[in-house]
Protein backbone atom coordinates (compact mmCIF):
# COMPACT_ATOMS: atom_id res chain seq x y z
CA MET A 1 -3.11 22.41 -14.83
CA THR A 2 -2.49 20.02 -11.99
CA THR A 3 -2.89 16.22 -12.64
CA ARG A 4 -4.85 14.38 -10.13
CA GLN A 5 -2.59 12.09 -7.80
CA PRO A 6 -3.55 8.41 -7.42
CA ARG A 7 -5.82 7.01 -4.72
CA LEU A 8 -4.55 4.10 -2.71
CA GLU A 9 -7.01 1.82 -0.99
CA ILE A 10 -6.47 -0.78 2.01
CA GLU A 11 -9.42 -3.07 2.24
CA TYR A 12 -9.15 -4.79 5.84
CA CYS A 13 -11.14 -7.43 7.56
CA THR A 14 -12.98 -6.17 10.36
CA GLN A 15 -13.88 -9.69 12.00
CA CYS A 16 -10.29 -10.39 12.04
CA ARG A 17 -9.60 -6.58 13.76
CA TRP A 18 -6.94 -5.54 11.06
CA LEU A 19 -7.77 -2.08 11.41
CA MET A 20 -4.51 -1.15 13.48
CA ARG A 21 -2.43 -3.21 10.73
CA ALA A 22 -4.37 -1.33 7.89
CA GLY A 23 -4.01 2.09 9.80
CA TRP A 24 -0.17 1.62 10.30
CA THR A 25 0.00 0.63 6.63
CA ALA A 26 -1.54 3.54 5.36
CA GLN A 27 0.85 5.76 7.76
CA GLU A 28 3.86 4.34 6.56
CA LEU A 29 2.83 4.69 2.68
CA LEU A 30 1.61 8.45 3.33
CA THR A 31 4.91 9.04 5.12
CA THR A 32 6.76 7.55 2.43
CA PHE A 33 4.68 8.74 -0.64
CA SER A 34 3.46 12.34 1.07
CA THR A 35 3.80 14.31 -2.42
CA GLU A 36 2.79 11.41 -4.85
CA LEU A 37 -0.45 10.24 -3.13
CA GLY A 38 -3.61 12.21 -3.42
CA GLU A 39 -5.32 9.91 -0.85
CA VAL A 40 -5.38 6.85 1.19
CA ALA A 41 -8.74 5.27 1.92
CA LEU A 42 -9.32 2.49 4.66
CA ILE A 43 -12.24 0.43 3.47
CA PRO A 44 -13.83 -2.23 5.98
CA GLY A 45 -14.46 -5.63 4.80
CA THR A 46 -14.96 -9.04 5.81
CA GLY A 47 -13.75 -12.67 5.26
CA GLY A 48 -9.83 -12.43 6.01
CA VAL A 49 -9.36 -9.72 3.51
CA PHE A 50 -6.31 -7.54 3.21
CA ASP A 51 -5.94 -6.21 0.08
CA VAL A 52 -3.88 -2.94 -0.98
CA ARG A 53 -5.01 -1.19 -4.21
CA VAL A 54 -3.73 1.63 -6.52
CA GLU A 55 -6.41 3.08 -8.86
CA GLY A 56 -8.58 0.07 -8.43
CA GLU A 57 -5.66 -2.47 -9.31
CA ILE A 58 -4.61 -4.69 -6.92
CA VAL A 59 -0.67 -4.53 -5.69
CA TRP A 60 -1.36 -6.95 -2.89
CA SER A 61 -3.95 -9.70 -1.80
CA ARG A 62 -3.31 -11.47 1.43
CA LYS A 63 -5.34 -14.23 0.04
CA GLU A 64 -3.53 -14.34 -3.30
CA GLN A 65 -0.02 -13.71 -1.90
CA ASP A 66 -0.67 -15.97 1.27
CA GLY A 67 0.11 -13.31 4.14
CA PHE A 68 0.79 -9.74 4.59
CA PRO A 69 3.11 -7.72 2.58
CA ASP A 70 6.73 -7.24 4.01
CA LEU A 71 6.41 -3.40 4.34
CA ALA A 72 9.57 -2.48 2.15
CA VAL A 73 8.26 -4.87 -0.65
CA LEU A 74 4.83 -3.12 -0.55
CA LYS A 75 6.65 0.35 -0.98
CA GLN A 76 8.31 -0.85 -3.79
CA LEU A 77 5.04 -2.25 -5.49
CA VAL A 78 3.48 1.20 -4.76
CA ARG A 79 6.29 3.10 -6.05
CA ASP A 80 6.48 0.97 -9.35
CA ARG A 81 2.61 2.19 -10.22
CA ILE A 82 3.12 5.81 -8.99
CA ALA A 83 6.57 7.05 -9.26
CA PRO A 84 8.57 4.41 -11.12
CA ASP A 85 11.76 6.77 -11.11
CA ARG A 86 11.65 7.53 -7.21
CA ASP A 87 14.68 6.05 -5.64
CA LEU A 88 13.50 4.32 -2.11
CA GLY A 89 17.07 4.61 -0.72
CA HIS A 90 17.61 2.05 2.20
CA VAL A 91 14.47 0.16 1.31
CA ASP A 92 15.76 -0.46 -2.42
CA ARG A 93 19.37 -1.42 -1.11
CA ARG A 94 17.87 -3.79 1.65
CA LEU A 95 16.14 -5.81 -0.90
CA SER A 96 18.54 -5.72 -3.74
CA ARG A 97 20.88 -7.70 -1.49
């Protein structure tokens, strides 16, 4: 029996032309969590949205956090939800200083 791996969604604003940012973020997360994520979806939106969700739960919202995530911080937030025991190596060390 296999367990279903989590779905990560990045909803981005098409009016703001944030597709490239969303694609880059997706690429970085897929590279880091290649065995822990089941899929990453890019969802077109409007109104300045840039939300990252894991299994429907928001882990980062540009409007709520007043800006885009630092990638290292975002990786930790995603890790905490999908693989809490996973060591992110240099990312963890850099943020703990």
